[in-house]
Amino acid sequence: MPRLYTVKQFCAAYGCGRTRCYELIATGKIEAVKDGPKTLIPVESAEAWAASLPRFKSGAANAQAQA
C-alpha cells in the first residue's frame, strides 16, 4: 500500500507553502490523487521531485573551482 502525504504534510516535509504545492501538482512536477475532498501526494512522487532539484553551489565553492 503506497504511503501518501496530505498537502499539509507535504508542505511541512518539504518547506513549501500550499500555493507552491498546488503549482507543482498543476505543472505535473509531482503527482496527486483525490480521495473525496482530500488531495494526496504519493511519497515516491515527492521524493522523486526533491531528488530532481538542482544542487546548491556556494560562491566559495565556485571561486575555488575557477581558481
C-alpha atoms as a PDB file:
ATOM      1  CA  MET A   1       0.000   0.000   0.000  1.00  0.00           C
ATOM      2  CA  PRO A   2       1.589   3.317  -1.052  1.00  0.00           C
ATOM      3  CA  ARG A   3       2.231   5.992   1.528  1.00  0.00           C
ATOM      4  CA  LEU A   4       0.561   9.323   0.873  1.00  0.00           C
ATOM      5  CA  TYR A   5       1.110  12.871   2.108  1.00  0.00           C
ATOM      6  CA  THR A   6      -1.721  15.307   2.609  1.00  0.00           C
ATOM      7  CA  VAL A   7      -0.960  18.748   1.185  1.00  0.00           C
ATOM      8  CA  LYS A   8      -0.275  19.978   4.731  1.00  0.00           C
ATOM      9  CA  GLN A   9       2.148  17.102   5.401  1.00  0.00           C
ATOM     10  CA  PHE A  10       3.935  17.644   2.073  1.00  0.00           C
ATOM     11  CA  CYS A  11       4.350  21.352   2.799  1.00  0.00           C
ATOM     12  CA  ALA A  12       5.742  20.637   6.267  1.00  0.00           C
ATOM     13  CA  ALA A  13       8.113  17.948   4.988  1.00  0.00           C
ATOM     14  CA  TYR A  14       9.484  19.986   2.078  1.00  0.00           C
ATOM     15  CA  GLY A  15       9.248  23.519   3.458  1.00  0.00           C
ATOM     16  CA  CYS A  16       6.907  24.979   0.890  1.00  0.00           C
ATOM     17  CA  GLY A  17       3.523  26.655   1.005  1.00  0.00           C
ATOM     18  CA  ARG A  18       0.155  25.416  -0.201  1.00  0.00           C
ATOM     19  CA  THR A  19       0.267  27.604  -3.304  1.00  0.00           C
ATOM     20  CA  ARG A  20       3.655  26.188  -4.328  1.00  0.00           C
ATOM     21  CA  CYS A  21       2.387  22.658  -3.682  1.00  0.00           C
ATOM     22  CA  TYR A  22      -0.611  23.147  -5.949  1.00  0.00           C
ATOM     23  CA  GLU A  23       1.650  24.734  -8.613  1.00  0.00           C
ATOM     24  CA  LEU A  24       3.821  21.600  -8.536  1.00  0.00           C
ATOM     25  CA  ILE A  25       0.723  19.455  -8.987  1.00  0.00           C
ATOM     26  CA  ALA A  26      -0.668  21.655 -11.785  1.00  0.00           C
ATOM     27  CA  THR A  27       2.609  21.557 -13.723  1.00  0.00           C
ATOM     28  CA  GLY A  28       2.956  17.795 -13.301  1.00  0.00           C
ATOM     29  CA  LYS A  29       6.143  18.013 -11.248  1.00  0.00           C
ATOM     30  CA  ILE A  30       4.512  15.950  -8.518  1.00  0.00           C
ATOM     31  CA  GLU A  31       1.618  13.533  -8.812  1.00  0.00           C
ATOM     32  CA  ALA A  32      -1.533  13.778  -6.748  1.00  0.00           C
ATOM     33  CA  VAL A  33      -4.675  11.745  -6.244  1.00  0.00           C
ATOM     34  CA  LYS A  34      -8.040  12.693  -4.809  1.00  0.00           C
ATOM     35  CA  ASP A  35      -9.903  10.938  -2.007  1.00  0.00           C
ATOM     36  CA  GLY A  36     -13.137  12.859  -1.830  1.00  0.00           C
ATOM     37  CA  PRO A  37     -12.151  16.430  -0.986  1.00  0.00           C
ATOM     38  CA  LYS A  38      -8.605  15.484   0.084  1.00  0.00           C
ATOM     39  CA  THR A  39      -5.630  15.907  -2.236  1.00  0.00           C
ATOM     40  CA  LEU A  40      -2.975  13.277  -1.530  1.00  0.00           C
ATOM     41  CA  ILE A  41       0.587  13.112  -2.813  1.00  0.00           C
ATOM     42  CA  PRO A  42       2.408   9.777  -3.103  1.00  0.00           C
ATOM     43  CA  VAL A  43       5.618   9.850  -1.067  1.00  0.00           C
ATOM     44  CA  GLU A  44       7.510   8.347  -4.009  1.00  0.00           C
ATOM     45  CA  SER A  45       6.466  11.275  -6.213  1.00  0.00           C
ATOM     46  CA  ALA A  46       7.534  13.808  -3.578  1.00  0.00           C
ATOM     47  CA  GLU A  47      10.902  12.096  -3.134  1.00  0.00           C
ATOM     48  CA  ALA A  48      11.492  11.937  -6.902  1.00  0.00           C
ATOM     49  CA  TRP A  49      10.712  15.663  -7.209  1.00  0.00           C
ATOM     50  CA  ALA A  50      13.102  16.520  -4.362  1.00  0.00           C
ATOM     51  CA  ALA A  51      15.840  14.387  -5.920  1.00  0.00           C
ATOM     52  CA  SER A  52      15.429  16.222  -9.242  1.00  0.00           C
ATOM     53  CA  LEU A  53      16.070  19.663  -7.745  1.00  0.00           C
ATOM     54  CA  PRO A  54      19.359  21.324  -8.734  1.00  0.00           C
ATOM     55  CA  ARG A  55      22.135  21.164  -6.180  1.00  0.00           C
ATOM     56  CA  PHE A  56      23.209  24.385  -4.476  1.00  0.00           C
ATOM     57  CA  LYS A  57      26.729  25.605  -5.188  1.00  0.00           C
ATOM     58  CA  SER A  58      28.058  28.207  -2.802  1.00  0.00           C
ATOM     59  CA  GLY A  59      30.009  31.197  -4.040  1.00  0.00           C
ATOM     60  CA  ALA A  60      33.113  29.968  -2.212  1.00  0.00           C
ATOM     61  CA  ALA A  61      32.973  26.620  -3.984  1.00  0.00           C
ATOM     62  CA  ASN A  62      32.597  28.326  -7.365  1.00  0.00           C
ATOM     63  CA  ALA A  63      35.528  30.665  -6.639  1.00  0.00           C
ATOM     64  CA  GLN A  64      37.778  27.718  -5.736  1.00  0.00           C
ATOM     65  CA  ALA A  65      36.733  25.840  -8.844  1.00  0.00           C
ATOM     66  CA  GLN A  66      37.592  28.817 -11.061  1.00  0.00           C
ATOM     67  CA  ALA A  67      40.992  29.443  -9.417  1.00  0.00           C
END
